[in-house]
Amino acid sequence: MTQLDPTHEAAPPEGAALVGPLMQAGEMADLVADAIAEDNPGADVLIRDQGSFIRIHTPGVCRLTRKTLSELAGRPLRIGDIEPHMAFFAGHITTTTDEMIWRSGQSAARPTPVEGEDAR
């Protein structure tokens, strides 16, 4: 299980905004924290216990997959099962049936240009 540190005031790396969910404390927050740690290898996963809420953030991009969440829970879960437990989030969110991705910056909301098309 990921350790929750109520005193940790982590700063993001220079130039990178922190993105990810703010969860209600409890079993789902613990599962989400552990899954985000697995789904974002090499990223600094910053977890802050704020009493009844848990901030789970990574610099720039934060990914959570249904597969990892279900494996850690030991039962099938839908990615939408976290929504009732997610009080807020930081960043731009993209949700599919298989994953949630939070990204920083306006570029997150723009589709990637198709090769040969004008990228205005």
Protein backbone atom coordinates (compact mmCIF):
# COMPACT_ATOMS: atom_id res chain seq x y z
CA MET A 1 0.00 0.00 0.00
CA THR A 2 1.17 3.52 -0.75
CA GLN A 3 2.19 5.51 2.30
CA LEU A 4 0.13 8.60 3.09
CA ASP A 5 2.11 11.45 4.60
CA PRO A 6 -0.01 14.18 6.23
CA THR A 7 2.97 16.51 6.65
CA HIS A 8 4.57 16.18 3.24
CA GLU A 9 4.49 19.46 1.30
CA ALA A 10 5.91 18.27 -1.99
CA ALA A 11 6.56 20.79 -4.71
CA PRO A 12 6.28 19.77 -8.34
CA PRO A 13 9.41 19.79 -10.48
CA GLU A 14 10.07 23.22 -11.92
CA GLY A 15 7.61 24.00 -14.72
CA ALA A 16 5.38 20.97 -14.15
CA ALA A 17 1.90 21.38 -12.73
CA LEU A 18 0.55 18.68 -10.42
CA VAL A 19 -2.46 16.80 -11.79
CA GLY A 20 -4.66 13.99 -10.49
CA PRO A 21 -7.60 13.25 -8.21
CA LEU A 22 -8.60 14.53 -4.78
CA MET A 23 -10.29 11.51 -3.19
CA GLN A 24 -12.46 11.03 -0.13
CA ALA A 25 -10.36 9.09 2.39
CA GLY A 26 -11.09 5.36 2.51
CA GLU A 27 -10.58 2.08 0.68
CA MET A 28 -11.12 3.57 -2.80
CA ALA A 29 -8.56 6.33 -2.16
CA ASP A 30 -6.02 3.69 -1.09
CA LEU A 31 -6.74 1.61 -4.24
CA VAL A 32 -6.49 4.66 -6.50
CA ALA A 33 -3.21 5.76 -4.91
CA ASP A 34 -1.67 2.31 -5.36
CA ALA A 35 -2.99 1.98 -8.94
CA ILE A 36 -1.69 5.42 -9.92
CA ALA A 37 1.73 4.47 -8.51
CA GLU A 38 1.74 1.36 -10.74
CA ASP A 39 0.27 3.07 -13.82
CA ASN A 40 2.83 5.90 -13.77
CA PRO A 41 6.22 4.17 -13.57
CA GLY A 42 9.09 6.57 -13.07
CA ALA A 43 6.79 9.44 -12.07
CA ASP A 44 6.84 11.02 -8.64
CA VAL A 45 3.45 10.15 -7.15
CA LEU A 46 2.71 12.77 -4.52
CA ILE A 47 0.19 11.78 -1.87
CA ARG A 48 -1.04 14.12 0.82
CA ASP A 49 -3.45 13.10 3.56
CA GLN A 50 -5.70 16.06 4.37
CA GLY A 51 -7.90 14.29 6.90
CA SER A 52 -11.09 13.39 5.08
CA PHE A 53 -9.47 13.88 1.66
CA ILE A 54 -6.39 12.43 -0.02
CA ARG A 55 -4.57 14.31 -2.79
CA ILE A 56 -2.97 11.96 -5.32
CA HIS A 57 -0.96 13.88 -7.91
CA THR A 58 1.86 13.49 -10.39
CA PRO A 59 3.72 16.18 -12.34
CA GLY A 60 2.29 16.84 -15.80
CA VAL A 61 0.35 13.64 -16.54
CA CYS A 62 -1.42 11.17 -14.24
CA ARG A 63 -2.84 7.89 -15.57
CA LEU A 64 -5.20 5.43 -13.87
CA THR A 65 -6.31 2.20 -15.59
CA ARG A 66 -9.28 -0.04 -14.92
CA LYS A 67 -7.02 -3.09 -15.27
CA THR A 68 -4.66 -2.05 -12.47
CA LEU A 69 -7.49 -0.84 -10.24
CA SER A 70 -9.34 -4.16 -10.63
CA GLU A 71 -6.19 -6.24 -10.06
CA LEU A 72 -5.41 -4.37 -6.82
CA ALA A 73 -9.02 -4.61 -5.62
CA GLY A 74 -9.18 -8.33 -6.37
CA ARG A 75 -12.51 -7.83 -8.12
CA PRO A 76 -13.75 -6.28 -11.35
CA LEU A 77 -14.21 -2.52 -11.15
CA ARG A 78 -15.33 0.04 -13.71
CA ILE A 79 -13.24 3.18 -14.09
CA GLY A 80 -16.40 5.13 -13.26
CA ASP A 81 -16.55 3.45 -9.84
CA ILE A 82 -14.08 6.02 -8.52
CA GLU A 83 -16.21 9.03 -9.48
CA PRO A 84 -18.46 9.02 -6.37
CA HIS A 85 -15.27 9.03 -4.26
CA MET A 86 -13.49 11.75 -6.25
CA ALA A 87 -14.33 15.12 -4.72
CA PHE A 88 -12.29 17.13 -7.20
CA PHE A 89 -9.31 16.85 -9.51
CA ALA A 90 -6.48 18.97 -10.83
CA GLY A 91 -5.80 19.21 -14.57
CA HIS A 92 -7.75 18.39 -17.70
CA ILE A 93 -9.35 14.94 -17.49
CA THR A 94 -9.97 12.42 -20.26
CA THR A 95 -12.07 9.39 -19.36
CA THR A 96 -12.68 6.18 -21.31
CA THR A 97 -14.03 2.82 -20.16
CA ASP A 98 -10.45 1.66 -19.61
CA GLU A 99 -8.65 4.66 -18.11
CA MET A 100 -8.64 8.17 -16.71
CA ILE A 101 -5.86 10.55 -17.64
CA TRP A 102 -5.28 13.95 -16.08
CA ARG A 103 -3.01 16.37 -17.98
CA SER A 104 -1.72 19.85 -17.31
CA GLY A 105 -1.94 22.77 -19.72
CA GLN A 106 -4.27 23.72 -22.52
CA SER A 107 -2.59 21.34 -24.95
CA ALA A 108 -4.31 18.53 -23.08
CA ALA A 109 -7.69 19.63 -24.41
CA ARG A 110 -6.55 19.83 -28.03
CA PRO A 111 -6.42 16.77 -30.27
CA THR A 112 -3.09 15.85 -31.77
CA PRO A 113 -2.92 17.04 -35.42
CA VAL A 114 -3.18 14.33 -38.04
CA GLU A 115 -0.12 14.11 -40.29
CA GLY A 116 -0.61 16.26 -43.35
CA GLU A 117 -3.29 18.48 -41.77
CA ASP A 118 -2.77 22.09 -40.79
CA ALA A 119 -2.13 22.26 -36.99
CA ARG A 120 -3.71 25.66 -36.32
